[in-house]
């Protein structure tokens, strides 16, 4: 009996201990969960220019008040304010970095313990994946739209842009394009005026380089003077990519079949006729609102800045 117990204990001790690995992966969020996570980090940027009042978006990237936005949102502003999602307003801002070629800027407000938005990796995005845009179209802060990443466009000059069908309107410029983990993968920048669902964002991977090369805080006027000095710099630019997109879109064609109603043409074409036409883009426009102060029109009426 004692021998059997000892044998059983020996067998027990020689049984291998198997540990089954568990893969921990980030669970994709629903659109509602993304909105709840991202919205506190998105801000409204308002300013005055010679053309009127300008409104755009931005998003917080550090607890001490650094904000990423489009350069075209703030470029012409004489004065500016930043409104947080909780309604708090900062009456001034400084510029810490700007990149005219990529239409990006980093501004700073005197805040603390602010909710930063996580940055994703725009090099690892997948065409067809769900995306969400949070911004302030027409000044309606906290607006959320959803869609997919339609394409990653490469103009052949080393500058890529992210294309999405998520709705974009004036006021969205500078806001984040986020993935299903609630991470920013792009900065909403422009859309094709003559079409619906052709909206574009600057990849977020350009932002860390800008955040790592911050200069001393500048006023808006100092920023404009600095941009004139930097305008001669070479390298891939957003404008060059827009020109490439215009040429690319011109080659797109739509094919239609129509009924032939003129009896004299039936012997030639039959009952139906096939025809194609090429689409020609009118122009790209930024997603920034300009409220023109020098015209008389009803309160709240705005016009889109080209």
Protein backbone atom coordinates (compact mmCIF):
# COMPACT_ATOMS: atom_id res chain seq x y z
CA UNK A 1 0.00 0.00 0.00
CA UNK A 2 2.79 2.38 0.89
CA UNK A 3 4.55 1.45 -2.36
CA UNK A 4 1.43 2.35 -4.38
CA UNK A 5 1.10 5.74 -2.67
CA UNK A 6 4.74 6.50 -3.36
CA UNK A 7 4.32 5.49 -7.01
CA UNK A 8 1.25 7.68 -7.33
CA UNK A 9 3.11 10.65 -5.88
CA UNK A 10 6.00 10.05 -8.27
CA UNK A 11 3.63 9.98 -11.24
CA UNK A 12 1.96 13.15 -10.01
CA UNK A 13 5.27 14.94 -9.74
CA UNK A 14 6.25 13.98 -13.29
CA UNK A 15 3.06 15.29 -14.90
CA UNK A 16 4.07 18.33 -16.99
CA UNK A 17 2.50 21.63 -16.06
CA UNK A 18 1.00 23.04 -19.23
CA UNK A 19 0.37 26.79 -19.44
CA UNK A 20 -1.95 27.78 -22.25
CA UNK A 21 -0.90 31.19 -23.63
CA UNK A 22 -3.64 33.77 -23.83
CA UNK A 23 -3.41 36.40 -26.53
CA UNK A 24 -4.24 39.84 -25.28
CA UNK A 25 -5.37 42.13 -28.13
CA UNK A 26 -7.09 45.47 -28.14
CA UNK A 27 -10.79 44.93 -28.63
CA UNK A 28 -12.25 47.17 -31.35
CA UNK A 29 -14.57 49.81 -29.93
CA UNK A 30 -18.03 50.66 -31.13
CA UNK A 31 -18.64 54.07 -32.68
CA UNK A 32 -20.35 55.20 -29.48
CA UNK A 33 -17.38 54.07 -27.39
CA UNK A 34 -14.95 55.81 -29.74
CA UNK A 35 -16.95 59.03 -29.52
CA UNK A 36 -16.94 58.87 -25.73
CA UNK A 37 -13.19 58.25 -25.64
CA UNK A 38 -12.13 60.79 -28.28
CA UNK A 39 -14.54 63.73 -27.85
CA UNK A 40 -12.96 65.13 -24.64
CA UNK A 41 -9.66 65.56 -26.53
CA UNK A 42 -11.11 67.50 -29.50
CA UNK A 43 -11.13 71.30 -29.41
CA UNK A 44 -12.70 74.13 -31.38
CA UNK A 45 -10.32 76.81 -32.68
CA UNK A 46 -11.84 80.21 -33.50
CA UNK A 47 -10.03 83.25 -34.79
CA UNK A 48 -10.32 86.53 -36.65
CA UNK A 49 -8.74 87.13 -40.05
CA UNK A 50 -8.93 89.94 -42.58
CA UNK A 51 -11.59 87.88 -44.42
CA UNK A 52 -13.74 87.30 -41.35
CA UNK A 53 -14.06 84.85 -38.47
CA UNK A 54 -12.50 81.42 -38.98
CA UNK A 55 -13.45 78.17 -37.27
CA UNK A 56 -11.66 74.82 -37.28
CA UNK A 57 -10.79 71.88 -35.04
CA UNK A 58 -7.78 70.37 -33.30
CA UNK A 59 -6.97 67.68 -30.77
CA UNK A 60 -4.98 67.58 -27.55
CA UNK A 61 -1.81 65.47 -27.58
CA UNK A 62 -0.34 66.28 -24.15
CA UNK A 63 -1.68 66.98 -20.67
CA UNK A 64 0.08 70.36 -20.59
CA UNK A 65 -1.86 71.77 -23.54
CA UNK A 66 -0.17 70.86 -26.82
CA UNK A 67 -2.66 70.61 -29.68
CA UNK A 68 -2.28 69.31 -33.23
CA UNK A 69 -4.26 71.00 -36.02
CA UNK A 70 -3.97 72.03 -39.67
CA UNK A 71 -1.72 74.97 -40.41
CA UNK A 72 -4.36 76.47 -42.72
CA UNK A 73 -6.74 76.72 -39.75
CA UNK A 74 -4.52 79.21 -37.88
CA UNK A 75 -2.30 80.61 -40.62
CA UNK A 76 -4.22 83.84 -41.26
CA UNK A 77 -5.60 84.40 -37.77
CA UNK A 78 -4.83 87.72 -36.08
CA UNK A 79 -6.31 86.57 -32.77
CA UNK A 80 -7.48 83.12 -31.70
CA UNK A 81 -9.31 81.26 -28.96
CA UNK A 82 -9.48 77.55 -28.13
CA UNK A 83 -12.57 75.95 -26.62
CA UNK A 84 -12.33 72.58 -24.87
CA UNK A 85 -15.02 69.94 -24.98
CA UNK A 86 -16.09 70.88 -21.45
CA UNK A 87 -16.76 74.46 -22.57
CA UNK A 88 -13.64 76.03 -21.06
CA UNK A 89 -12.20 78.76 -23.32
CA UNK A 90 -8.59 79.89 -23.61
CA UNK A 91 -8.28 83.40 -25.01
CA UNK A 92 -4.78 83.00 -26.39
CA UNK A 93 -2.47 80.42 -27.88
CA UNK A 94 1.13 80.13 -28.97
CA UNK A 95 2.62 78.23 -31.90
CA UNK A 96 5.24 75.57 -31.13
CA UNK A 97 5.74 74.09 -34.60
CA UNK A 98 4.47 74.45 -38.15
CA UNK A 99 4.92 72.52 -41.38
CA UNK A 100 3.57 74.29 -44.44
CA UNK A 101 4.38 71.42 -46.78
CA UNK A 102 2.26 68.98 -44.79
CA UNK A 103 -0.31 71.52 -43.55
CA UNK A 104 0.30 70.71 -39.88
CA UNK A 105 0.83 72.84 -36.80
CA UNK A 106 1.31 72.35 -33.07
CA UNK A 107 -0.16 75.03 -30.84
CA UNK A 108 -0.15 75.41 -27.08
CA UNK A 109 -2.63 76.65 -24.51
CA UNK A 110 -1.99 77.25 -20.82
CA UNK A 111 -3.86 74.18 -19.63
CA UNK A 112 -2.97 71.35 -17.30
CA UNK A 113 -4.16 67.80 -16.74
CA UNK A 114 -5.92 67.87 -20.12
CA UNK A 115 -7.10 64.62 -21.79
CA UNK A 116 -4.64 63.76 -24.60
CA UNK A 117 -5.65 61.63 -27.57
CA UNK A 118 -3.59 58.52 -28.29
CA UNK A 119 -1.72 58.54 -31.60
CA UNK A 120 -1.92 55.46 -33.81
CA UNK A 121 0.31 54.31 -36.67
CA UNK A 122 -0.86 55.49 -40.08
CA UNK A 123 1.60 53.11 -41.75
CA UNK A 124 -0.29 50.09 -40.45
CA UNK A 125 -3.80 51.07 -41.53
CA UNK A 126 -5.87 48.76 -43.72
CA UNK A 127 -8.09 49.92 -46.55
CA UNK A 128 -11.68 49.09 -45.64
CA UNK A 129 -11.24 49.37 -41.88
CA UNK A 130 -13.82 51.44 -39.96
CA UNK A 131 -12.86 55.02 -39.09
CA UNK A 132 -14.50 57.85 -37.17
CA UNK A 133 -14.15 61.64 -37.44
CA UNK A 134 -14.79 63.93 -34.49
CA UNK A 135 -14.82 67.68 -35.04
CA UNK A 136 -16.80 70.90 -35.21
CA UNK A 137 -18.51 71.15 -38.62
CA UNK A 138 -20.20 74.54 -38.92
CA UNK A 139 -19.26 75.12 -35.29
CA UNK A 140 -21.31 72.17 -34.01
CA UNK A 141 -18.65 70.89 -31.63
CA UNK A 142 -18.50 67.22 -30.72
CA UNK A 143 -20.00 66.05 -34.02
CA UNK A 144 -19.19 62.41 -34.83
CA UNK A 145 -19.30 60.79 -38.28
CA UNK A 146 -18.32 57.26 -39.25
CA UNK A 147 -17.18 55.50 -42.40
CA UNK A 148 -14.31 53.44 -43.72
CA UNK A 149 -10.77 54.10 -44.85
CA UNK A 150 -11.43 54.17 -48.58
CA UNK A 151 -7.83 54.29 -49.77
CA UNK A 152 -4.28 55.40 -49.06
CA UNK A 153 -3.28 57.70 -51.91
CA UNK A 154 0.37 58.06 -52.85
CA UNK A 155 1.21 60.86 -55.25
CA UNK A 156 4.52 59.25 -56.08
CA UNK A 157 6.44 62.01 -54.33
CA UNK A 158 6.68 60.33 -50.94
CA UNK A 159 3.61 62.10 -49.56
CA UNK A 160 0.56 59.96 -48.84
CA UNK A 161 -2.94 61.01 -47.86
CA UNK A 162 -5.71 58.97 -46.26
CA UNK A 163 -9.02 58.89 -48.11
CA UNK A 164 -12.29 58.27 -46.28
CA UNK A 165 -16.00 58.39 -46.97
CA UNK A 166 -16.79 59.53 -43.40
CA UNK A 167 -18.68 62.81 -43.74
CA UNK A 168 -16.55 65.95 -43.57
CA UNK A 169 -17.81 69.54 -43.54
CA UNK A 170 -16.31 73.00 -43.06
CA UNK A 171 -15.16 73.17 -39.46
CA UNK A 172 -13.70 69.65 -39.43
CA UNK A 173 -10.24 70.81 -40.52
CA UNK A 174 -7.62 69.88 -37.94
CA UNK A 175 -9.80 67.30 -36.23
CA UNK A 176 -8.74 63.68 -35.83
CA UNK A 177 -9.46 60.73 -38.09
CA UNK A 178 -9.44 57.82 -35.64
CA UNK A 179 -9.34 54.04 -35.91
CA UNK A 180 -11.50 51.53 -34.08
CA UNK A 181 -9.16 51.62 -31.09
CA UNK A 182 -9.85 55.32 -30.70
CA UNK A 183 -6.36 56.35 -31.85
CA UNK A 184 -5.69 59.24 -34.21
CA UNK A 185 -4.41 57.98 -37.56
CA UNK A 186 -4.86 61.22 -39.50
CA UNK A 187 -5.58 64.95 -39.37
CA UNK A 188 -8.68 65.86 -41.42
CA UNK A 189 -7.61 68.42 -43.99
CA UNK A 190 -9.57 68.72 -47.24
CA UNK A 191 -12.31 67.35 -49.47
CA UNK A 192 -13.23 67.38 -53.15
CA UNK A 193 -15.86 70.06 -53.62
CA UNK A 194 -17.52 68.52 -56.66
CA UNK A 195 -18.06 65.08 -55.08
CA UNK A 196 -19.45 63.41 -51.99
CA UNK A 197 -17.45 60.96 -49.90
CA UNK A 198 -14.03 62.01 -51.22
CA UNK A 199 -12.46 63.35 -48.03
CA UNK A 200 -8.79 63.34 -47.11
CA UNK A 201 -6.56 63.45 -44.04
CA UNK A 202 -2.84 63.97 -43.52
CA UNK A 203 -1.31 60.78 -41.99
CA UNK A 204 -0.66 61.09 -38.27
CA UNK A 205 2.87 59.70 -38.61
CA UNK A 206 4.02 63.15 -39.70
CA UNK A 207 2.97 64.57 -36.31
CA UNK A 208 5.57 62.90 -34.00
CA UNK A 209 8.42 64.39 -36.03
CA UNK A 210 6.86 67.82 -35.63
CA UNK A 211 6.30 67.24 -31.91
CA UNK A 212 9.98 66.32 -31.53
CA UNK A 213 11.14 69.55 -33.18
CA UNK A 214 9.28 72.17 -31.17
CA UNK A 215 10.67 75.69 -31.14
CA UNK A 216 10.20 78.48 -28.65
CA UNK A 217 6.58 79.64 -28.39
CA UNK A 218 5.67 82.08 -31.16
CA UNK A 219 2.79 84.46 -31.66
CA UNK A 220 0.64 84.05 -34.78
CA UNK A 221 2.41 87.00 -36.41
CA UNK A 222 5.84 85.55 -35.63
CA UNK A 223 4.70 82.24 -37.12
CA UNK A 224 3.76 83.93 -40.40
CA UNK A 225 7.15 85.60 -40.65
CA UNK A 226 8.84 82.29 -39.91
CA UNK A 227 6.83 80.57 -42.64
CA UNK A 228 8.12 83.05 -45.21
CA UNK A 229 11.68 82.08 -44.30
CA UNK A 230 10.90 78.36 -44.50
CA UNK A 231 8.94 78.57 -47.77
CA UNK A 232 12.03 77.78 -49.84
CA UNK A 233 12.46 74.36 -48.20
CA UNK A 234 12.21 71.38 -50.55
CA UNK A 235 10.49 68.05 -50.10
CA UNK A 236 7.15 66.34 -50.73
CA UNK A 237 4.20 68.64 -50.13
CA UNK A 238 0.45 68.40 -49.72
CA UNK A 239 -0.11 70.81 -52.63
CA UNK A 240 1.88 68.57 -54.95
CA UNK A 241 -0.21 65.59 -53.87
CA UNK A 242 -3.41 67.57 -54.51
CA UNK A 243 -2.20 68.35 -58.02
CA UNK A 244 -1.50 64.66 -58.55
CA UNK A 245 -4.97 63.75 -57.28
CA UNK A 246 -6.58 66.20 -59.69
CA UNK A 247 -4.82 64.53 -62.59
CA UNK A 248 -5.69 61.09 -61.24
CA UNK A 249 -9.36 61.89 -60.78
CA UNK A 250 -9.62 63.33 -64.29
CA UNK A 251 -9.01 59.82 -65.62
CA UNK A 252 -11.97 58.38 -63.73
CA UNK A 253 -14.91 57.55 -66.00
CA UNK A 254 -18.57 56.75 -65.47
CA UNK A 255 -20.33 54.34 -67.83
CA UNK A 256 -24.05 54.59 -68.54
CA UNK A 257 -26.64 52.84 -70.68
CA UNK A 258 -29.54 54.99 -71.87
CA UNK A 259 -32.67 54.29 -73.86
CA UNK A 260 -32.80 55.65 -77.41
CA UNK A 261 -36.06 57.53 -77.99
CA UNK A 262 -35.32 58.95 -81.45
CA UNK A 263 -36.67 56.37 -83.94
CA UNK A 264 -34.25 57.54 -86.61
CA UNK A 265 -31.31 56.48 -84.43
CA UNK A 266 -32.63 53.02 -83.59
CA UNK A 267 -31.18 51.37 -86.77
CA UNK A 268 -27.77 52.75 -85.81
CA UNK A 269 -27.68 52.21 -82.03
CA UNK A 270 -30.55 49.86 -81.32
CA UNK A 271 -32.91 50.43 -78.42
CA UNK A 272 -30.10 51.43 -76.06
CA UNK A 273 -26.84 53.37 -76.26
CA UNK A 274 -23.70 53.06 -74.15
CA UNK A 275 -21.75 56.17 -73.33
CA UNK A 276 -19.02 57.27 -70.91
CA UNK A 277 -17.93 60.60 -69.55
CA UNK A 278 -14.89 61.70 -67.59
CA UNK A 279 -15.16 63.40 -64.23
CA UNK A 280 -13.20 66.61 -63.79
CA UNK A 281 -12.76 67.91 -60.25
CA UNK A 282 -13.66 71.55 -59.75
CA UNK A 283 -11.22 72.06 -56.88
CA UNK A 284 -10.19 70.83 -53.48
CA UNK A 285 -11.25 72.88 -50.50
CA UNK A 286 -10.15 72.99 -46.91
CA UNK A 287 -12.61 71.95 -44.25
CA UNK A 288 -12.51 75.27 -42.44
CA UNK A 289 -15.40 77.68 -41.99
CA UNK A 290 -14.96 81.34 -42.81
CA UNK A 291 -17.79 83.54 -41.55
CA UNK A 292 -17.49 86.57 -43.79
CA UNK A 293 -17.86 89.75 -41.79
CA UNK A 294 -17.75 92.18 -44.71
CA UNK A 295 -21.04 91.07 -46.29
CA UNK A 296 -24.59 91.57 -45.21
CA UNK A 297 -26.34 88.23 -44.89
CA UNK A 298 -28.55 86.50 -42.31
CA UNK A 299 -27.08 85.58 -38.95
CA UNK A 300 -25.39 82.20 -39.04
CA UNK A 301 -24.99 82.04 -42.80
CA UNK A 302 -21.48 81.01 -43.70
CA UNK A 303 -19.46 80.43 -46.80
CA UNK A 304 -16.83 77.78 -47.40
CA UNK A 305 -13.23 78.84 -47.72
CA UNK A 306 -11.72 77.37 -50.89
